[in-house]
Full PDB file with SEQRES, HELIX, SHEET, SSBOND, CRYST1, ORIGX, SCALE, CONECT and MASTER records, all heavy atoms in Angstrom:
SEQRES   1 A   39  MET GLU ARG VAL ASN SER THR LEU LEU THR GLU PHE ILE          
SEQRES   2 A   39  LEU THR GLY ILE THR TYR PRO LEU ARG LEU ARG THR PHE          
SEQRES   3 A   39  LEU PHE VAL PHE PHE LEU LEU ILE TYR ILE LEU THR GLN          
HELIX    1 AA1 LEU A   21  LEU A   23  5                                   3    
HELIX    2 AA2 ARG A   24  THR A   38  1                                  15    
SHEET    1 AA1 2 ARG A   3  VAL A   4  0                                        
SHEET    2 AA1 2 LEU A   8  LEU A   9 -1                                        
CRYST1    1.000    1.000    1.000  90.00  90.00  90.00 P 1           1          
ORIGX1      1.000000  0.000000  0.000000        0.00000                         
ORIGX2      0.000000  1.000000  0.000000        0.00000                         
ORIGX3      0.000000  0.000000  1.000000        0.00000                         
SCALE1      1.000000  0.000000  0.000000        0.00000                         
SCALE2      0.000000  1.000000  0.000000        0.00000                         
SCALE3      0.000000  0.000000  1.000000        0.00000                         
ATOM      1  N   MET A   1     -19.977 158.648  -5.934  1.00  0.00           N  
ATOM      2  CA  MET A   1     -20.108 157.637  -4.960  1.00  0.00           C  
ATOM      3  C   MET A   1     -21.296 156.914  -5.031  1.00  0.00           C  
ATOM      4  O   MET A   1     -22.371 157.505  -5.073  1.00  0.00           O  
ATOM      5  CB  MET A   1     -20.114 158.435  -3.509  1.00  0.00           C  
ATOM      6  CG  MET A   1     -20.104 157.607  -2.284  1.00  0.00           C  
ATOM      7  SD  MET A   1     -20.384 158.438  -0.870  1.00  0.00           S  
ATOM      8  CE  MET A   1     -19.372 159.898  -1.157  1.00  0.00           C  
ATOM      9  N   GLU A   2     -21.198 155.578  -4.984  1.00  0.00           N  
ATOM     10  CA  GLU A   2     -22.473 154.685  -5.253  1.00  0.00           C  
ATOM     11  C   GLU A   2     -23.023 154.204  -3.928  1.00  0.00           C  
ATOM     12  O   GLU A   2     -22.068 153.767  -3.027  1.00  0.00           O  
ATOM     13  CB  GLU A   2     -22.065 153.501  -6.122  1.00  0.00           C  
ATOM     14  CG  GLU A   2     -23.326 152.722  -6.580  1.00  0.00           C  
ATOM     15  CD  GLU A   2     -22.876 151.667  -7.543  1.00  0.00           C  
ATOM     16  OE1 GLU A   2     -21.806 151.693  -8.048  1.00  0.00           O  
ATOM     17  OE2 GLU A   2     -23.657 150.666  -7.664  1.00  0.00           O  
ATOM     18  N   ARG A   3     -24.286 154.169  -3.647  1.00  0.00           N  
ATOM     19  CA  ARG A   3     -24.741 153.840  -2.347  1.00  0.00           C  
ATOM     20  C   ARG A   3     -25.952 152.839  -2.552  1.00  0.00           C  
ATOM     21  O   ARG A   3     -26.574 152.800  -3.615  1.00  0.00           O  
ATOM     22  CB  ARG A   3     -25.313 155.020  -1.595  1.00  0.00           C  
ATOM     23  CG  ARG A   3     -24.178 156.106  -1.464  1.00  0.00           C  
ATOM     24  CD  ARG A   3     -24.783 157.198  -0.697  1.00  0.00           C  
ATOM     25  NE  ARG A   3     -23.697 158.303  -0.508  1.00  0.00           N  
ATOM     26  CZ  ARG A   3     -23.525 159.110   0.493  1.00  0.00           C  
ATOM     27  NH1 ARG A   3     -24.257 158.902   1.600  1.00  0.00           N  
ATOM     28  NH2 ARG A   3     -22.588 159.978   0.571  1.00  0.00           N  
ATOM     29  N   VAL A   4     -26.183 152.090  -1.578  1.00  0.00           N  
ATOM     30  CA  VAL A   4     -27.374 151.262  -1.482  1.00  0.00           C  
ATOM     31  C   VAL A   4     -28.276 151.804  -0.393  1.00  0.00           C  
ATOM     32  O   VAL A   4     -27.914 151.999   0.608  1.00  0.00           O  
ATOM     33  CB  VAL A   4     -26.996 149.839  -1.193  1.00  0.00           C  
ATOM     34  CG1 VAL A   4     -28.265 148.996  -1.083  1.00  0.00           C  
ATOM     35  CG2 VAL A   4     -26.058 149.166  -2.297  1.00  0.00           C  
ATOM     36  N   ASN A   5     -29.623 152.091  -0.831  1.00  0.00           N  
ATOM     37  CA  ASN A   5     -30.611 152.624   0.056  1.00  0.00           C  
ATOM     38  C   ASN A   5     -30.075 154.045   0.662  1.00  0.00           C  
ATOM     39  O   ASN A   5     -30.275 154.360   1.756  1.00  0.00           O  
ATOM     40  CB  ASN A   5     -30.903 151.719   1.271  1.00  0.00           C  
ATOM     41  CG  ASN A   5     -31.533 150.433   0.868  1.00  0.00           C  
ATOM     42  OD1 ASN A   5     -32.314 150.401  -0.178  1.00  0.00           O  
ATOM     43  ND2 ASN A   5     -31.374 149.366   1.627  1.00  0.00           N  
ATOM     44  N   SER A   6     -29.301 154.718  -0.224  1.00  0.00           N  
ATOM     45  CA  SER A   6     -28.638 156.089   0.156  1.00  0.00           C  
ATOM     46  C   SER A   6     -27.767 156.040   1.303  1.00  0.00           C  
ATOM     47  O   SER A   6     -27.459 157.053   1.854  1.00  0.00           O  
ATOM     48  CB  SER A   6     -29.975 157.107   0.376  1.00  0.00           C  
ATOM     49  OG  SER A   6     -30.780 157.159  -0.735  1.00  0.00           O  
ATOM     50  N   THR A   7     -27.376 154.873   1.829  1.00  0.00           N  
ATOM     51  CA  THR A   7     -26.520 154.863   2.929  1.00  0.00           C  
ATOM     52  C   THR A   7     -25.283 154.104   2.652  1.00  0.00           C  
ATOM     53  O   THR A   7     -24.034 154.394   2.988  1.00  0.00           O  
ATOM     54  CB  THR A   7     -27.166 154.394   4.154  1.00  0.00           C  
ATOM     55  OG1 THR A   7     -27.722 153.028   3.839  1.00  0.00           O  
ATOM     56  CG2 THR A   7     -28.357 155.370   4.590  1.00  0.00           C  
ATOM     57  N   LEU A   8     -25.393 152.752   2.219  1.00  0.00           N  
ATOM     58  CA  LEU A   8     -24.186 151.884   2.226  1.00  0.00           C  
ATOM     59  C   LEU A   8     -23.608 151.799   0.912  1.00  0.00           C  
ATOM     60  O   LEU A   8     -24.196 151.759  -0.142  1.00  0.00           O  
ATOM     61  CB  LEU A   8     -24.735 150.393   2.677  1.00  0.00           C  
ATOM     62  CG  LEU A   8     -25.357 150.342   4.031  1.00  0.00           C  
ATOM     63  CD1 LEU A   8     -25.808 148.937   4.293  1.00  0.00           C  
ATOM     64  CD2 LEU A   8     -24.448 150.990   5.055  1.00  0.00           C  
ATOM     65  N   LEU A   9     -22.262 151.737   0.938  1.00  0.00           N  
ATOM     66  CA  LEU A   9     -21.617 151.744  -0.268  1.00  0.00           C  
ATOM     67  C   LEU A   9     -21.500 150.398  -0.911  1.00  0.00           C  
ATOM     68  O   LEU A   9     -21.609 149.281  -0.259  1.00  0.00           O  
ATOM     69  CB  LEU A   9     -19.994 152.038   0.088  1.00  0.00           C  
ATOM     70  CG  LEU A   9     -19.715 153.389   0.616  1.00  0.00           C  
ATOM     71  CD1 LEU A   9     -18.225 153.547   0.975  1.00  0.00           C  
ATOM     72  CD2 LEU A   9     -19.978 154.388  -0.481  1.00  0.00           C  
ATOM     73  N   THR A  10     -21.433 150.304  -2.233  1.00  0.00           N  
ATOM     74  CA  THR A  10     -21.360 149.029  -2.875  1.00  0.00           C  
ATOM     75  C   THR A  10     -20.032 148.825  -3.551  1.00  0.00           C  
ATOM     76  O   THR A  10     -19.758 147.820  -4.184  1.00  0.00           O  
ATOM     77  CB  THR A  10     -22.439 148.938  -3.987  1.00  0.00           C  
ATOM     78  OG1 THR A  10     -22.297 149.875  -4.996  1.00  0.00           O  
ATOM     79  CG2 THR A  10     -23.846 148.929  -3.285  1.00  0.00           C  
ATOM     80  N   GLU A  11     -19.183 149.886  -3.605  1.00  0.00           N  
ATOM     81  CA  GLU A  11     -17.805 149.803  -4.284  1.00  0.00           C  
ATOM     82  C   GLU A  11     -16.926 150.683  -3.562  1.00  0.00           C  
ATOM     83  O   GLU A  11     -17.317 151.707  -2.930  1.00  0.00           O  
ATOM     84  CB  GLU A  11     -17.904 150.022  -5.707  1.00  0.00           C  
ATOM     85  CG  GLU A  11     -18.244 151.467  -6.126  1.00  0.00           C  
ATOM     86  CD  GLU A  11     -18.450 151.621  -7.579  1.00  0.00           C  
ATOM     87  OE1 GLU A  11     -18.688 150.625  -8.237  1.00  0.00           O  
ATOM     88  OE2 GLU A  11     -18.126 152.799  -8.022  1.00  0.00           O  
ATOM     89  N   PHE A  12     -15.679 150.478  -3.655  1.00  0.00           N  
ATOM     90  CA  PHE A  12     -14.583 151.353  -3.182  1.00  0.00           C  
ATOM     91  C   PHE A  12     -13.691 151.789  -4.371  1.00  0.00           C  
ATOM     92  O   PHE A  12     -13.666 151.125  -5.377  1.00  0.00           O  
ATOM     93  CB  PHE A  12     -13.727 150.704  -2.135  1.00  0.00           C  
ATOM     94  CG  PHE A  12     -14.456 150.307  -0.836  1.00  0.00           C  
ATOM     95  CD1 PHE A  12     -15.012 149.129  -0.712  1.00  0.00           C  
ATOM     96  CD2 PHE A  12     -14.640 151.319   0.056  1.00  0.00           C  
ATOM     97  CE1 PHE A  12     -15.688 148.776   0.460  1.00  0.00           C  
ATOM     98  CE2 PHE A  12     -15.448 150.996   1.314  1.00  0.00           C  
ATOM     99  CZ  PHE A  12     -15.909 149.743   1.528  1.00  0.00           C  
ATOM    100  N   ILE A  13     -12.958 152.858  -4.239  1.00  0.00           N  
ATOM    101  CA  ILE A  13     -12.026 153.334  -5.215  1.00  0.00           C  
ATOM    102  C   ILE A  13     -10.573 153.263  -4.524  1.00  0.00           C  
ATOM    103  O   ILE A  13     -10.447 154.010  -3.504  1.00  0.00           O  
ATOM    104  CB  ILE A  13     -12.235 154.662  -5.758  1.00  0.00           C  
ATOM    105  CG1 ILE A  13     -13.607 154.671  -6.490  1.00  0.00           C  
ATOM    106  CG2 ILE A  13     -11.215 155.220  -6.640  1.00  0.00           C  
ATOM    107  CD1 ILE A  13     -14.121 156.036  -7.041  1.00  0.00           C  
ATOM    108  N   LEU A  14      -9.768 152.489  -5.048  1.00  0.00           N  
ATOM    109  CA  LEU A  14      -8.351 152.372  -4.475  1.00  0.00           C  
ATOM    110  C   LEU A  14      -7.488 153.543  -5.005  1.00  0.00           C  
ATOM    111  O   LEU A  14      -7.304 153.538  -6.242  1.00  0.00           O  
ATOM    112  CB  LEU A  14      -7.794 151.001  -4.648  1.00  0.00           C  
ATOM    113  CG  LEU A  14      -8.502 149.882  -4.089  1.00  0.00           C  
ATOM    114  CD1 LEU A  14      -7.814 148.577  -4.488  1.00  0.00           C  
ATOM    115  CD2 LEU A  14      -8.560 149.873  -2.612  1.00  0.00           C  
ATOM    116  N   THR A  15      -7.000 154.439  -4.270  1.00  0.00           N  
ATOM    117  CA  THR A  15      -6.273 155.549  -4.711  1.00  0.00           C  
ATOM    118  C   THR A  15      -4.759 155.157  -5.278  1.00  0.00           C  
ATOM    119  O   THR A  15      -4.237 155.893  -5.940  1.00  0.00           O  
ATOM    120  CB  THR A  15      -6.067 156.636  -3.713  1.00  0.00           C  
ATOM    121  OG1 THR A  15      -5.403 156.214  -2.517  1.00  0.00           O  
ATOM    122  CG2 THR A  15      -7.555 157.194  -3.346  1.00  0.00           C  
ATOM    123  N   GLY A  16      -4.431 153.912  -4.808  1.00  0.00           N  
ATOM    124  CA  GLY A  16      -3.084 153.476  -5.221  1.00  0.00           C  
ATOM    125  C   GLY A  16      -1.954 154.221  -4.467  1.00  0.00           C  
ATOM    126  O   GLY A  16      -2.188 154.838  -3.446  1.00  0.00           O  
ATOM    127  N   ILE A  17      -0.737 154.109  -5.131  1.00  0.00           N  
ATOM    128  CA  ILE A  17       0.432 154.812  -4.672  1.00  0.00           C  
ATOM    129  C   ILE A  17       0.626 156.088  -5.533  1.00  0.00           C  
ATOM    130  O   ILE A  17       0.378 156.087  -6.725  1.00  0.00           O  
ATOM    131  CB  ILE A  17       1.596 153.881  -4.635  1.00  0.00           C  
ATOM    132  CG1 ILE A  17       1.858 153.279  -6.034  1.00  0.00           C  
ATOM    133  CG2 ILE A  17       1.341 152.834  -3.555  1.00  0.00           C  
ATOM    134  CD1 ILE A  17       3.085 152.463  -6.136  1.00  0.00           C  
ATOM    135  N   THR A  18       1.112 157.083  -5.007  1.00  0.00           N  
ATOM    136  CA  THR A  18       1.371 158.339  -5.762  1.00  0.00           C  
ATOM    137  C   THR A  18       2.699 158.063  -6.530  1.00  0.00           C  
ATOM    138  O   THR A  18       3.640 157.482  -6.101  1.00  0.00           O  
ATOM    139  CB  THR A  18       1.584 159.533  -4.789  1.00  0.00           C  
ATOM    140  OG1 THR A  18       2.593 159.268  -3.899  1.00  0.00           O  
ATOM    141  CG2 THR A  18       0.247 159.790  -4.030  1.00  0.00           C  
ATOM    142  N   TYR A  19       2.614 158.670  -7.731  1.00  0.00           N  
ATOM    143  CA  TYR A  19       3.846 158.531  -8.620  1.00  0.00           C  
ATOM    144  C   TYR A  19       3.759 159.702  -9.662  1.00  0.00           C  
ATOM    145  O   TYR A  19       2.727 160.187 -10.032  1.00  0.00           O  
ATOM    146  CB  TYR A  19       3.798 157.038  -9.365  1.00  0.00           C  
ATOM    147  CG  TYR A  19       2.647 157.040 -10.169  1.00  0.00           C  
ATOM    148  CD1 TYR A  19       2.590 157.258 -11.579  1.00  0.00           C  
ATOM    149  CD2 TYR A  19       1.468 156.477  -9.689  1.00  0.00           C  
ATOM    150  CE1 TYR A  19       1.500 157.069 -12.381  1.00  0.00           C  
ATOM    151  CE2 TYR A  19       0.267 156.322 -10.427  1.00  0.00           C  
ATOM    152  CZ  TYR A  19       0.279 156.679 -11.772  1.00  0.00           C  
ATOM    153  OH  TYR A  19      -0.866 156.455 -12.526  1.00  0.00           O  
ATOM    154  N   PRO A  20       4.981 159.969 -10.287  1.00  0.00           N  
ATOM    155  CA  PRO A  20       4.912 161.019 -11.314  1.00  0.00           C  
ATOM    156  C   PRO A  20       4.291 160.374 -12.495  1.00  0.00           C  
ATOM    157  O   PRO A  20       4.546 159.232 -12.872  1.00  0.00           O  
ATOM    158  CB  PRO A  20       6.458 161.216 -11.530  1.00  0.00           C  
ATOM    159  CG  PRO A  20       7.133 160.765 -10.348  1.00  0.00           C  
ATOM    160  CD  PRO A  20       6.293 159.662  -9.767  1.00  0.00           C  
ATOM    161  N   LEU A  21       3.511 161.181 -13.259  1.00  0.00           N  
ATOM    162  CA  LEU A  21       2.706 160.742 -14.367  1.00  0.00           C  
ATOM    163  C   LEU A  21       3.635 160.122 -15.493  1.00  0.00           C  
ATOM    164  O   LEU A  21       3.359 159.255 -16.205  1.00  0.00           O  
ATOM    165  CB  LEU A  21       1.804 161.780 -14.955  1.00  0.00           C  
ATOM    166  CG  LEU A  21       0.571 162.040 -14.134  1.00  0.00           C  
ATOM    167  CD1 LEU A  21      -0.201 163.162 -14.761  1.00  0.00           C  
ATOM    168  CD2 LEU A  21      -0.295 160.854 -13.903  1.00  0.00           C  
ATOM    169  N   ARG A  22       4.907 160.816 -15.615  1.00  0.00           N  
ATOM    170  CA  ARG A  22       5.824 160.279 -16.547  1.00  0.00           C  
ATOM    171  C   ARG A  22       6.284 158.884 -16.447  1.00  0.00           C  
ATOM    172  O   ARG A  22       6.822 158.242 -17.306  1.00  0.00           O  
ATOM    173  CB  ARG A  22       6.927 161.305 -16.712  1.00  0.00           C  
ATOM    174  CG  ARG A  22       7.906 161.332 -15.536  1.00  0.00           C  
ATOM    175  CD  ARG A  22       8.966 162.321 -15.713  1.00  0.00           C  
ATOM    176  NE  ARG A  22       9.880 162.268 -14.591  1.00  0.00           N  
ATOM    177  CZ  ARG A  22       9.743 163.033 -13.428  1.00  0.00           C  
ATOM    178  NH1 ARG A  22       8.659 163.773 -13.268  1.00  0.00           N  
ATOM    179  NH2 ARG A  22      10.563 162.985 -12.406  1.00  0.00           N  
ATOM    180  N   LEU A  23       6.142 158.341 -15.158  1.00  0.00           N  
ATOM    181  CA  LEU A  23       6.581 157.114 -14.927  1.00  0.00           C  
ATOM    182  C   LEU A  23       5.477 155.975 -14.979  1.00  0.00           C  
ATOM    183  O   LEU A  23       5.670 154.801 -14.592  1.00  0.00           O  
ATOM    184  CB  LEU A  23       7.135 156.975 -13.531  1.00  0.00           C  
ATOM    185  CG  LEU A  23       8.452 157.868 -13.250  1.00  0.00           C  
ATOM    186  CD1 LEU A  23       8.848 157.649 -11.829  1.00  0.00           C  
ATOM    187  CD2 LEU A  23       9.504 157.487 -14.243  1.00  0.00           C  
ATOM    188  N   ARG A  24       4.305 156.375 -15.512  1.00  0.00           N  
ATOM    189  CA  ARG A  24       3.139 155.509 -15.350  1.00  0.00           C  
ATOM    190  C   ARG A  24       3.504 154.155 -16.202  1.00  0.00           C  
ATOM    191  O   ARG A  24       3.205 153.012 -15.704  1.00  0.00           O  
ATOM    192  CB  ARG A  24       1.956 156.238 -16.156  1.00  0.00           C  
ATOM    193  CG  ARG A  24       0.664 155.279 -16.158  1.00  0.00           C  
ATOM    194  CD  ARG A  24      -0.381 155.827 -17.082  1.00  0.00           C  
ATOM    195  NE  ARG A  24      -0.773 157.231 -16.783  1.00  0.00           N  
ATOM    196  CZ  ARG A  24      -1.756 157.491 -15.938  1.00  0.00           C  
ATOM    197  NH1 ARG A  24      -2.534 156.503 -15.522  1.00  0.00           N  
ATOM    198  NH2 ARG A  24      -2.084 158.733 -15.698  1.00  0.00           N  
ATOM    199  N   THR A  25       3.940 154.353 -17.445  1.00  0.00           N  
ATOM    200  CA  THR A  25       4.223 153.130 -18.303  1.00  0.00           C  
ATOM    201  C   THR A  25       5.309 152.407 -17.639  1.00  0.00           C  
ATOM    202  O   THR A  25       5.178 151.080 -17.672  1.00  0.00           O  
ATOM    203  CB  THR A  25       4.520 153.558 -19.754  1.00  0.00           C  
ATOM    204  OG1 THR A  25       3.548 154.339 -20.147  1.00  0.00           O  
ATOM    205  CG2 THR A  25       4.792 152.349 -20.460  1.00  0.00           C  
ATOM    206  N   PHE A  26       6.349 152.920 -17.182  1.00  0.00           N  
ATOM    207  CA  PHE A  26       7.468 152.308 -16.545  1.00  0.00           C  
ATOM    208  C   PHE A  26       7.087 151.445 -15.384  1.00  0.00           C  
ATOM    209  O   PHE A  26       7.423 150.272 -15.175  1.00  0.00           O  
ATOM    210  CB  PHE A  26       8.529 153.269 -16.202  1.00  0.00           C  
ATOM    211  CG  PHE A  26       9.642 152.649 -15.294  1.00  0.00           C  
ATOM    212  CD1 PHE A  26      10.652 151.873 -15.800  1.00  0.00           C  
ATOM    213  CD2 PHE A  26       9.667 152.842 -13.864  1.00  0.00           C  
ATOM    214  CE1 PHE A  26      11.701 151.173 -15.077  1.00  0.00           C  
ATOM    215  CE2 PHE A  26      10.522 152.246 -13.107  1.00  0.00           C  
ATOM    216  CZ  PHE A  26      11.558 151.415 -13.671  1.00  0.00           C  
ATOM    217  N   LEU A  27       6.227 152.122 -14.482  1.00  0.00           N  
ATOM    218  CA  LEU A  27       5.759 151.336 -13.360  1.00  0.00           C  
ATOM    219  C   LEU A  27       4.823 150.224 -13.608  1.00  0.00           C  
ATOM    220  O   LEU A  27       4.947 149.134 -13.064  1.00  0.00           O  
ATOM    221  CB  LEU A  27       5.066 152.394 -12.405  1.00  0.00           C  
ATOM    222  CG  LEU A  27       6.002 153.372 -11.648  1.00  0.00           C  
ATOM    223  CD1 LEU A  27       5.144 154.372 -10.955  1.00  0.00           C  
ATOM    224  CD2 LEU A  27       6.994 152.685 -10.674  1.00  0.00           C  
ATOM    225  N   PHE A  28       3.974 150.362 -14.604  1.00  0.00           N  
ATOM    226  CA  PHE A  28       3.197 149.346 -15.076  1.00  0.00           C  
ATOM    227  C   PHE A  28       3.988 148.033 -15.535  1.00  0.00           C  
ATOM    228  O   PHE A  28       3.735 146.958 -15.118  1.00  0.00           O  
ATOM    229  CB  PHE A  28       2.195 149.734 -16.163  1.00  0.00           C  
ATOM    230  CG  PHE A  28       1.252 148.703 -16.679  1.00  0.00           C  
ATOM    231  CD1 PHE A  28       0.011 148.442 -16.037  1.00  0.00           C  
ATOM    232  CD2 PHE A  28       1.579 147.858 -17.746  1.00  0.00           C  
ATOM    233  CE1 PHE A  28      -0.818 147.422 -16.453  1.00  0.00           C  
ATOM    234  CE2 PHE A  28       0.711 146.873 -18.186  1.00  0.00           C  
ATOM    235  CZ  PHE A  28      -0.384 146.651 -17.616  1.00  0.00           C  
ATOM    236  N   VAL A  29       4.928 148.259 -16.393  1.00  0.00           N  
ATOM    237  CA  VAL A  29       5.725 147.355 -16.935  1.00  0.00           C  
ATOM    238  C   VAL A  29       6.687 146.700 -15.744  1.00  0.00           C  
ATOM    239  O   VAL A  29       6.783 145.416 -15.831  1.00  0.00           O  
ATOM    240  CB  VAL A  29       6.672 147.815 -17.939  1.00  0.00           C  
ATOM    241  CG1 VAL A  29       7.701 146.755 -18.576  1.00  0.00           C  
ATOM    242  CG2 VAL A  29       5.919 148.235 -19.205  1.00  0.00           C  
ATOM    243  N   PHE A  30       7.165 147.469 -14.927  1.00  0.00           N  
ATOM    244  CA  PHE A  30       7.947 147.063 -13.776  1.00  0.00           C  
ATOM    245  C   PHE A  30       7.191 146.019 -12.964  1.00  0.00           C  
ATOM    246  O   PHE A  30       7.652 144.875 -12.625  1.00  0.00           O  
ATOM    247  CB  PHE A  30       8.388 148.260 -12.937  1.00  0.00           C  
ATOM    248  CG  PHE A  30       9.049 147.790 -11.645  1.00  0.00           C  
ATOM    249  CD1 PHE A  30      10.415 147.345 -11.794  1.00  0.00           C  
ATOM    250  CD2 PHE A  30       8.534 147.853 -10.507  1.00  0.00           C  
ATOM    251  CE1 PHE A  30      11.144 146.978 -10.507  1.00  0.00           C  
ATOM    252  CE2 PHE A  30       9.212 147.493  -9.331  1.00  0.00           C  
ATOM    253  CZ  PHE A  30      10.482 147.005  -9.418  1.00  0.00           C  
ATOM    254  N   PHE A  31       5.955 146.403 -12.571  1.00  0.00           N  
ATOM    255  CA  PHE A  31       5.231 145.559 -11.806  1.00  0.00           C  
ATOM    256  C   PHE A  31       4.664 144.244 -12.450  1.00  0.00           C  
ATOM    257  O   PHE A  31       4.459 143.156 -11.890  1.00  0.00           O  
ATOM    258  CB  PHE A  31       4.049 146.251 -10.917  1.00  0.00           C  
ATOM    259  CG  PHE A  31       4.490 147.111  -9.783  1.00  0.00           C  
ATOM    260  CD1 PHE A  31       4.661 148.394  -9.863  1.00  0.00           C  
ATOM    261  CD2 PHE A  31       4.921 146.413  -8.647  1.00  0.00           C  
ATOM    262  CE1 PHE A  31       5.103 149.178  -8.754  1.00  0.00           C  
ATOM    263  CE2 PHE A  31       5.385 147.234  -7.503  1.00  0.00           C  
ATOM    264  CZ  PHE A  31       5.453 148.582  -7.590  1.00  0.00           C  
ATOM    265  N   LEU A  32       4.421 144.528 -13.795  1.00  0.00           N  
ATOM    266  CA  LEU A  32       4.041 143.388 -14.541  1.00  0.00           C  
ATOM    267  C   LEU A  32       5.165 142.274 -14.542  1.00  0.00           C  
ATOM    268  O   LEU A  32       4.877 141.134 -14.413  1.00  0.00           O  
ATOM    269  CB  LEU A  32       3.632 143.739 -16.053  1.00  0.00           C  
ATOM    270  CG  LEU A  32       3.364 142.666 -16.861  1.00  0.00           C  
ATOM    271  CD1 LEU A  32       2.113 141.819 -16.519  1.00  0.00           C  
ATOM    272  CD2 LEU A  32       3.175 143.255 -18.394  1.00  0.00           C  
ATOM    273  N   LEU A  33       6.384 142.804 -14.798  1.00  0.00           N  
ATOM    274  CA  LEU A  33       7.524 141.885 -14.820  1.00  0.00           C  
ATOM    275  C   LEU A  33       7.703 141.225 -13.309  1.00  0.00           C  
ATOM    276  O   LEU A  33       8.053 140.112 -13.313  1.00  0.00           O  
ATOM    277  CB  LEU A  33       8.804 142.607 -15.184  1.00  0.00           C  
ATOM    278  CG  LEU A  33       8.916 143.093 -16.606  1.00  0.00           C  
ATOM    279  CD1 LEU A  33      10.105 143.915 -16.909  1.00  0.00           C  
ATOM    280  CD2 LEU A  33       8.900 141.840 -17.491  1.00  0.00           C  
ATOM    281  N   ILE A  34       7.539 141.989 -12.340  1.00  0.00           N  
ATOM    282  CA  ILE A  34       7.604 141.516 -11.007  1.00  0.00           C  
ATOM    283  C   ILE A  34       6.725 140.290 -10.766  1.00  0.00           C  
ATOM    284  O   ILE A  34       6.964 139.318 -10.258  1.00  0.00           O  
ATOM    285  CB  ILE A  34       7.380 142.662  -9.878  1.00  0.00           C  
ATOM    286  CG1 ILE A  34       8.560 143.578  -9.794  1.00  0.00           C  
ATOM    287  CG2 ILE A  34       7.150 142.008  -8.537  1.00  0.00           C  
ATOM    288  CD1 ILE A  34       9.874 142.969  -9.175  1.00  0.00           C  
ATOM    289  N   TYR A  35       5.360 140.588 -11.280  1.00  0.00           N  
ATOM    290  CA  TYR A  35       4.342 139.570 -11.154  1.00  0.00           C  
ATOM    291  C   TYR A  35       4.643 138.366 -11.874  1.00  0.00           C  
ATOM    292  O   TYR A  35       4.612 137.155 -11.292  1.00  0.00           O  
ATOM    293  CB  TYR A  35       3.030 140.231 -11.641  1.00  0.00           C  
ATOM    294  CG  TYR A  35       1.925 139.175 -11.495  1.00  0.00           C  
ATOM    295  CD1 TYR A  35       1.370 138.679 -10.174  1.00  0.00           C  
ATOM    296  CD2 TYR A  35       1.412 138.552 -12.638  1.00  0.00           C  
ATOM    297  CE1 TYR A  35       0.361 137.694 -10.131  1.00  0.00           C  
ATOM    298  CE2 TYR A  35       0.372 137.669 -12.516  1.00  0.00           C  
ATOM    299  CZ  TYR A  35      -0.111 137.279 -11.219  1.00  0.00           C  
ATOM    300  OH  TYR A  35      -1.122 136.306 -11.175  1.00  0.00           O  
ATOM    301  N   ILE A  36       5.090 138.451 -13.085  1.00  0.00           N  
ATOM    302  CA  ILE A  36       5.444 137.255 -13.974  1.00  0.00           C  
ATOM    303  C   ILE A  36       6.518 136.506 -13.478  1.00  0.00           C  
ATOM    304  O   ILE A  36       6.586 135.246 -13.346  1.00  0.00           O  
ATOM    305  CB  ILE A  36       5.671 137.796 -15.434  1.00  0.00           C  
ATOM    306  CG1 ILE A  36       4.428 138.364 -16.101  1.00  0.00           C  
ATOM    307  CG2 ILE A  36       6.293 136.559 -16.323  1.00  0.00           C  
ATOM    308  CD1 ILE A  36       4.577 138.956 -17.436  1.00  0.00           C  
ATOM    309  N   LEU A  37       7.654 137.223 -13.096  1.00  0.00           N  
ATOM    310  CA  LEU A  37       8.868 136.575 -12.500  1.00  0.00           C  
ATOM    311  C   LEU A  37       8.594 135.937 -11.090  1.00  0.00           C  
ATOM    312  O   LEU A  37       9.124 134.902 -10.749  1.00  0.00           O  
ATOM    313  CB  LEU A  37       9.982 137.568 -12.312  1.00  0.00           C  
ATOM    314  CG  LEU A  37      10.515 138.164 -13.677  1.00  0.00           C  
ATOM    315  CD1 LEU A  37      11.504 139.214 -13.444  1.00  0.00           C  
ATOM    316  CD2 LEU A  37      11.156 136.927 -14.469  1.00  0.00           C  
ATOM    317  N   THR A  38       7.659 136.536 -10.324  1.00  0.00           N  
ATOM    318  CA  THR A  38       7.305 135.982  -9.021  1.00  0.00           C  
ATOM    319  C   THR A  38       6.587 134.628  -9.255  1.00  0.00           C  
ATOM    320  O   THR A  38       6.903 133.597  -8.676  1.00  0.00           O  
ATOM    321  CB  THR A  38       6.321 136.858  -8.315  1.00  0.00           C  
ATOM    322  OG1 THR A  38       7.002 138.059  -7.946  1.00  0.00           O  
ATOM    323  CG2 THR A  38       5.737 136.273  -7.072  1.00  0.00           C  
ATOM    324  N   GLN A  39       5.676 134.580 -10.291  1.00  0.00           N  
ATOM    325  CA  GLN A  39       4.923 133.320 -10.473  1.00  0.00           C  
ATOM    326  C   GLN A  39       5.755 132.282 -11.128  1.00  0.00           C  
ATOM    327  O   GLN A  39       5.793 131.088 -10.669  1.00  0.00           O  
ATOM    328  CB  GLN A  39       3.773 133.648 -11.536  1.00  0.00           C  
ATOM    329  CG  GLN A  39       2.764 134.583 -11.074  1.00  0.00           C  
ATOM    330  CD  GLN A  39       2.082 134.156  -9.820  1.00  0.00           C  
ATOM    331  OE1 GLN A  39       1.522 133.018  -9.689  1.00  0.00           O  
ATOM    332  NE2 GLN A  39       2.001 135.054  -8.814  1.00  0.00           N  
TER     333      GLN A  39                                                      
MASTER        0    0    0    2    2    0    0    6  332    1    0    3          
END                                                                             
């Protein structure tokens, strides 16, 4: 955890959505296609 003056955060970590690890590549490609087709 990173802090400024030992109190205030300078960054956050987004935990994202939970998913089975075996679907990591599929979900990346899926949302990449969703993004490209949306644009």
